[in-house]
PDB file of N, CA and C in Angstrom:
ATOM      1  N   HIS A   1       0.827  -1.148   0.052  1.00  0.00           N
ATOM      2  CA  HIS A   1       0.103  -0.064   0.022  1.00  0.00           C
ATOM      3  C   HIS A   1       1.016   1.346  -0.254  1.00  0.00           C
ATOM      4  N   ILE A   2       1.036   1.934  -0.887  1.00  0.00           N
ATOM      5  CA  ILE A   2       1.661   3.145  -1.226  1.00  0.00           C
ATOM      6  C   ILE A   2       0.627   4.163  -1.181  1.00  0.00           C
ATOM      7  N   GLU A   3       0.648   5.560  -0.343  1.00  0.00           N
ATOM      8  CA  GLU A   3      -0.016   6.574  -0.026  1.00  0.00           C
ATOM      9  C   GLU A   3       0.653   7.722  -0.779  1.00  0.00           C
ATOM     10  N   THR A   4       0.211   8.443  -1.739  1.00  0.00           N
ATOM     11  CA  THR A   4       0.892   9.625  -2.110  1.00  0.00           C
ATOM     12  C   THR A   4      -0.204  10.740  -1.723  1.00  0.00           C
ATOM     13  N   THR A   5       0.450  12.071  -1.391  1.00  0.00           N
ATOM     14  CA  THR A   5      -0.416  13.066  -1.097  1.00  0.00           C
ATOM     15  C   THR A   5       0.320  14.642  -1.748  1.00  0.00           C
ATOM     16  N   GLU A   6      -0.256  15.377  -2.255  1.00  0.00           N
ATOM     17  CA  GLU A   6       0.330  16.107  -2.665  1.00  0.00           C
ATOM     18  C   GLU A   6      -0.054  17.383  -1.841  1.00  0.00           C
ATOM     19  N   LYS A   7       1.172  17.954  -1.345  1.00  0.00           N
ATOM     20  CA  LYS A   7       1.433  18.718  -0.403  1.00  0.00           C
ATOM     21  C   LYS A   7       1.185  20.195  -0.954  1.00  0.00           C
ATOM     22  N   PRO A   8       0.491  21.106  -0.677  1.00  0.00           N
ATOM     23  CA  PRO A   8       0.236  22.398  -0.870  1.00  0.00           C
ATOM     24  C   PRO A   8       1.728  22.999  -0.448  1.00  0.00           C
ATOM     25  N   PRO A   9       2.024  24.334  -1.328  1.00  0.00           N
ATOM     26  CA  PRO A   9       2.952  25.103  -0.901  1.00  0.00           C
ATOM     27  C   PRO A   9       3.285  25.505   0.280  1.00  0.00           C
ATOM     28  N   ALA A  10       4.420  25.432   0.622  1.00  0.00           N
ATOM     29  CA  ALA A  10       5.033  25.629   1.814  1.00  0.00           C
ATOM     30  C   ALA A  10       4.434  26.893   2.539  1.00  0.00           C
ATOM     31  N   HIS A  11       4.190  28.209   1.933  1.00  0.00           N
ATOM     32  CA  HIS A  11       3.717  29.368   2.435  1.00  0.00           C
ATOM     33  C   HIS A  11       2.429  28.997   2.749  1.00  0.00           C
ATOM     34  N   LEU A  12       1.602  28.311   2.250  1.00  0.00           N
ATOM     35  CA  LEU A  12       0.205  27.710   2.575  1.00  0.00           C
ATOM     36  C   LEU A  12      -0.105  27.111   3.717  1.00  0.00           C
ATOM     37  N   THR A  13       0.826  26.173   4.362  1.00  0.00           N
ATOM     38  CA  THR A  13       0.836  25.430   5.570  1.00  0.00           C
ATOM     39  C   THR A  13       1.671  26.190   6.524  1.00  0.00           C
ATOM     40  N   HIS A  14       2.379  26.993   6.540  1.00  0.00           N
ATOM     41  CA  HIS A  14       3.106  27.760   7.627  1.00  0.00           C
ATOM     42  C   HIS A  14       2.539  29.117   8.104  1.00  0.00           C
ATOM     43  N   VAL A  15       2.309  29.199   9.011  1.00  0.00           N
ATOM     44  CA  VAL A  15       2.186  30.742   9.900  1.00  0.00           C
ATOM     45  C   VAL A  15       3.478  31.209  10.641  1.00  0.00           C
ATOM     46  N   ASN A  16       4.024  32.214  10.527  1.00  0.00           N
ATOM     47  CA  ASN A  16       5.259  32.689  11.313  1.00  0.00           C
ATOM     48  C   ASN A  16       6.225  31.475  11.736  1.00  0.00           C
ATOM     49  N   GLY A  17       6.357  30.375  10.663  1.00  0.00           N
ATOM     50  CA  GLY A  17       7.495  29.773  10.649  1.00  0.00           C
ATOM     51  C   GLY A  17       6.854  28.369  11.310  1.00  0.00           C
ATOM     52  N   LYS A  18       5.439  28.412  11.819  1.00  0.00           N
ATOM     53  CA  LYS A  18       5.008  27.179  12.509  1.00  0.00           C
ATOM     54  C   LYS A  18       4.001  26.338  11.539  1.00  0.00           C
ATOM     55  N   GLU A  19       4.429  25.086  11.419  1.00  0.00           N
ATOM     56  CA  GLU A  19       3.707  24.289  10.553  1.00  0.00           C
ATOM     57  C   GLU A  19       2.402  23.962  11.361  1.00  0.00           C
ATOM     58  N   LEU A  20       1.217  24.429  10.274  1.00  0.00           N
ATOM     59  CA  LEU A  20      -0.245  24.143  10.375  1.00  0.00           C
ATOM     60  C   LEU A  20      -0.623  22.419  10.618  1.00  0.00           C
ATOM     61  N   PRO A  21      -1.458  22.514  11.467  1.00  0.00           N
ATOM     62  CA  PRO A  21      -1.854  20.713  11.551  1.00  0.00           C
ATOM     63  C   PRO A  21      -2.187  20.436   9.869  1.00  0.00           C
ATOM     64  N   LYS A  22      -2.162  18.921   9.862  1.00  0.00           N
ATOM     65  CA  LYS A  22      -2.756  18.497   8.516  1.00  0.00           C
ATOM     66  C   LYS A  22      -4.103  19.043   8.003  1.00  0.00           C
ATOM     67  N   GLY A  23      -4.544  19.453   6.911  1.00  0.00           N
ATOM     68  CA  GLY A  23      -5.372  19.681   6.539  1.00  0.00           C
ATOM     69  C   GLY A  23      -5.842  21.311   6.310  1.00  0.00           C
ATOM     70  N   TRP A  24      -4.959  22.205   7.044  1.00  0.00           N
ATOM     71  CA  TRP A  24      -5.091  23.388   7.586  1.00  0.00           C
ATOM     72  C   TRP A  24      -4.563  24.191   6.306  1.00  0.00           C
ATOM     73  N   VAL A  25      -4.894  25.081   5.381  1.00  0.00           N
ATOM     74  CA  VAL A  25      -4.138  25.666   4.762  1.00  0.00           C
ATOM     75  C   VAL A  25      -4.280  27.322   5.000  1.00  0.00           C
ATOM     76  N   LEU A  26      -3.440  28.399   4.737  1.00  0.00           N
ATOM     77  CA  LEU A  26      -3.479  29.676   5.091  1.00  0.00           C
ATOM     78  C   LEU A  26      -4.072  30.165   4.053  1.00  0.00           C
ATOM     79  N   ILE A  27      -5.224  30.845   3.953  1.00  0.00           N
ATOM     80  CA  ILE A  27      -6.112  31.383   3.031  1.00  0.00           C
ATOM     81  C   ILE A  27      -5.433  32.830   2.676  1.00  0.00           C
ATOM     82  N   HIS A  28      -4.975  33.591   3.576  1.00  0.00           N
ATOM     83  CA  HIS A  28      -4.530  34.819   3.901  1.00  0.00           C
ATOM     84  C   HIS A  28      -3.851  35.240   5.128  1.00  0.00           C
ATOM     85  N   GLY A  29      -2.657  35.653   4.744  1.00  0.00           N
ATOM     86  CA  GLY A  29      -1.805  36.316   6.052  1.00  0.00           C
ATOM     87  C   GLY A  29      -1.263  37.840   5.506  1.00  0.00           C
ATOM     88  N   GLY A  30      -1.272  38.346   6.912  1.00  0.00           N
ATOM     89  CA  GLY A  30      -0.587  39.833   6.568  1.00  0.00           C
ATOM     90  C   GLY A  30      -0.805  40.422   7.949  1.00  0.00           C
ATOM     91  N   THR A  31      -0.355  41.636   7.531  1.00  0.00           N
ATOM     92  CA  THR A  31      -0.568  42.526   8.908  1.00  0.00           C
ATOM     93  C   THR A  31      -1.007  43.982   8.350  1.00  0.00           C
ATOM     94  N   LYS A  32      -1.998  44.433   9.110  1.00  0.00           N
ATOM     95  CA  LYS A  32      -2.573  45.504   8.890  1.00  0.00           C
ATOM     96  C   LYS A  32      -2.544  46.538   9.918  1.00  0.00           C
ATOM     97  N   GLU A  33      -2.468  47.988   9.777  1.00  0.00           N
ATOM     98  CA  GLU A  33      -2.162  48.960  11.013  1.00  0.00           C
ATOM     99  C   GLU A  33      -3.567  48.598  11.778  1.00  0.00           C
ATOM    100  N   SER A  34      -3.038  49.035  12.913  1.00  0.00           N
ATOM    101  CA  SER A  34      -4.224  48.882  14.323  1.00  0.00           C
ATOM    102  C   SER A  34      -4.472  50.674  14.287  1.00  0.00           C
ATOM    103  N   GLU A  35      -5.946  50.752  14.204  1.00  0.00           N
ATOM    104  CA  GLU A  35      -6.507  52.076  13.812  1.00  0.00           C
ATOM    105  C   GLU A  35      -6.435  52.688  15.467  1.00  0.00           C
ATOM    106  N   ASN A  36      -6.202  52.283  16.473  1.00  0.00           N
ATOM    107  CA  ASN A  36      -6.168  53.044  17.950  1.00  0.00           C
ATOM    108  C   ASN A  36      -4.444  53.233  18.322  1.00  0.00           C
ATOM    109  N   SER A  37      -3.516  52.589  17.842  1.00  0.00           N
ATOM    110  CA  SER A  37      -2.005  52.598  17.954  1.00  0.00           C
ATOM    111  C   SER A  37      -1.513  52.460  16.990  1.00  0.00           C
ATOM    112  N   ASN A  38      -0.023  52.547  17.180  1.00  0.00           N
ATOM    113  CA  ASN A  38       1.011  52.180  16.116  1.00  0.00           C
ATOM    114  C   ASN A  38       1.270  50.918  15.905  1.00  0.00           C
ATOM    115  N   ASP A  39       0.667  49.703  16.460  1.00  0.00           N
ATOM    116  CA  ASP A  39       1.043  48.219  16.294  1.00  0.00           C
ATOM    117  C   ASP A  39       0.548  48.045  14.816  1.00  0.00           C
ATOM    118  N   THR A  40       0.665  46.642  14.644  1.00  0.00           N
ATOM    119  CA  THR A  40       0.495  46.290  13.598  1.00  0.00           C
ATOM    120  C   THR A  40      -0.322  44.833  13.791  1.00  0.00           C
ATOM    121  N   LEU A  41      -1.055  44.618  13.378  1.00  0.00           N
ATOM    122  CA  LEU A  41      -1.896  43.214  13.682  1.00  0.00           C
ATOM    123  C   LEU A  41      -1.631  42.370  12.992  1.00  0.00           C
ATOM    124  N   SER A  42      -1.426  41.296  13.291  1.00  0.00           N
ATOM    125  CA  SER A  42      -1.281  39.961  12.035  1.00  0.00           C
ATOM    126  C   SER A  42      -2.379  39.420  12.046  1.00  0.00           C
ATOM    127  N   THR A  43      -2.717  39.372  10.815  1.00  0.00           N
ATOM    128  CA  THR A  43      -4.076  38.741  10.673  1.00  0.00           C
ATOM    129  C   THR A  43      -3.954  37.739   9.687  1.00  0.00           C
ATOM    130  N   HIS A  44      -4.271  36.535  10.141  1.00  0.00           N
ATOM    131  CA  HIS A  44      -4.283  35.329   9.388  1.00  0.00           C
ATOM    132  C   HIS A  44      -5.821  34.423   9.185  1.00  0.00           C
ATOM    133  N   ILE A  45      -6.037  33.956   8.005  1.00  0.00           N
ATOM    134  CA  ILE A  45      -7.450  33.477   7.973  1.00  0.00           C
ATOM    135  C   ILE A  45      -7.125  32.002   7.326  1.00  0.00           C
ATOM    136  N   LEU A  46      -7.555  31.062   8.320  1.00  0.00           N
ATOM    137  CA  LEU A  46      -7.161  29.704   7.579  1.00  0.00           C
ATOM    138  C   LEU A  46      -8.208  28.832   7.416  1.00  0.00           C
ATOM    139  N   MET A  47      -8.212  27.546   6.631  1.00  0.00           N
ATOM    140  CA  MET A  47      -9.429  27.140   6.151  1.00  0.00           C
ATOM    141  C   MET A  47      -8.954  25.828   6.352  1.00  0.00           C
ATOM    142  N   TYR A  48      -9.675  24.607   6.462  1.00  0.00           N
ATOM    143  CA  TYR A  48      -9.636  23.587   6.511  1.00  0.00           C
ATOM    144  C   TYR A  48      -9.906  22.960   5.251  1.00  0.00           C
ATOM    145  N   HIS A  49      -9.081  21.936   4.707  1.00  0.00           N
ATOM    146  CA  HIS A  49      -8.984  21.548   3.159  1.00  0.00           C
ATOM    147  C   HIS A  49      -8.440  20.164   3.481  1.00  0.00           C
ATOM    148  N   PRO A  50      -9.060  19.213   3.802  1.00  0.00           N
ATOM    149  CA  PRO A  50      -8.836  17.632   4.130  1.00  0.00           C
ATOM    150  C   PRO A  50      -8.694  17.058   2.808  1.00  0.00           C
ATOM    151  N   GLN A  51      -9.228  17.386   2.018  1.00  0.00           N
ATOM    152  CA  GLN A  51      -8.757  16.750   0.723  1.00  0.00           C
ATOM    153  C   GLN A  51      -7.423  17.362   0.155  1.00  0.00           C
ATOM    154  N   LEU A  52      -6.614  17.793   0.613  1.00  0.00           N
ATOM    155  CA  LEU A  52      -5.321  18.028   0.348  1.00  0.00           C
ATOM    156  C   LEU A  52      -4.572  16.852   0.919  1.00  0.00           C
ATOM    157  N   HIS A  53      -4.840  16.526   1.607  1.00  0.00           N
ATOM    158  CA  HIS A  53      -4.269  15.367   2.516  1.00  0.00           C
ATOM    159  C   HIS A  53      -4.564  14.053   2.244  1.00  0.00           C
ATOM    160  N   HIS A  54      -5.743  13.732   1.485  1.00  0.00           N
ATOM    161  CA  HIS A  54      -6.100  12.315   1.320  1.00  0.00           C
ATOM    162  C   HIS A  54      -6.216  12.249  -0.110  1.00  0.00           C
ATOM    163  N   SER A  55      -5.415  10.791   0.054  1.00  0.00           N
ATOM    164  CA  SER A  55      -4.743  10.019  -1.616  1.00  0.00           C
ATOM    165  C   SER A  55      -6.373  10.023  -2.171  1.00  0.00           C
ATOM    166  N   GLU A  56      -6.302  10.275  -3.680  1.00  0.00           N
ATOM    167  CA  GLU A  56      -7.238   9.876  -4.396  1.00  0.00           C
ATOM    168  C   GLU A  56      -6.963   8.249  -4.549  1.00  0.00           C
ATOM    169  N   LYS A  57      -8.331   7.653  -4.551  1.00  0.00           N
ATOM    170  CA  LYS A  57      -8.614   6.060  -4.341  1.00  0.00           C
ATOM    171  C   LYS A  57      -8.953   5.994  -5.765  1.00  0.00           C
ATOM    172  N   HIS A  58      -7.880   4.908  -6.323  1.00  0.00           N
ATOM    173  CA  HIS A  58      -8.072   4.681  -7.810  1.00  0.00           C
ATOM    174  C   HIS A  58      -8.384   3.430  -7.618  1.00  0.00           C
ATOM    175  N   VAL A  59      -9.623   2.885  -8.562  1.00  0.00           N
ATOM    176  CA  VAL A  59     -10.101   1.976  -8.867  1.00  0.00           C
ATOM    177  C   VAL A  59      -9.787   0.899  -9.875  1.00  0.00           C
ATOM    178  N   ASN A  60      -9.063  -0.222  -9.812  1.00  0.00           N
ATOM    179  CA  ASN A  60      -8.741  -0.523 -11.023  1.00  0.00           C
ATOM    180  C   ASN A  60      -9.695  -1.856 -11.594  1.00  0.00           C
TER     181      ASN A  60
END
């Protein structure tokens, strides 16, 4: 039994250098200016895509 998985690009599976759990990908990541201070807020939008980590079943 050989399982092949197609991994999404590294920038989609890592946030701030930390790898996301299997199936999670980064939809949007970036920083935006906070309205009330000089701080920048880090914004990350994650989405669960289990199909990226499941191999396709081939019927012979």
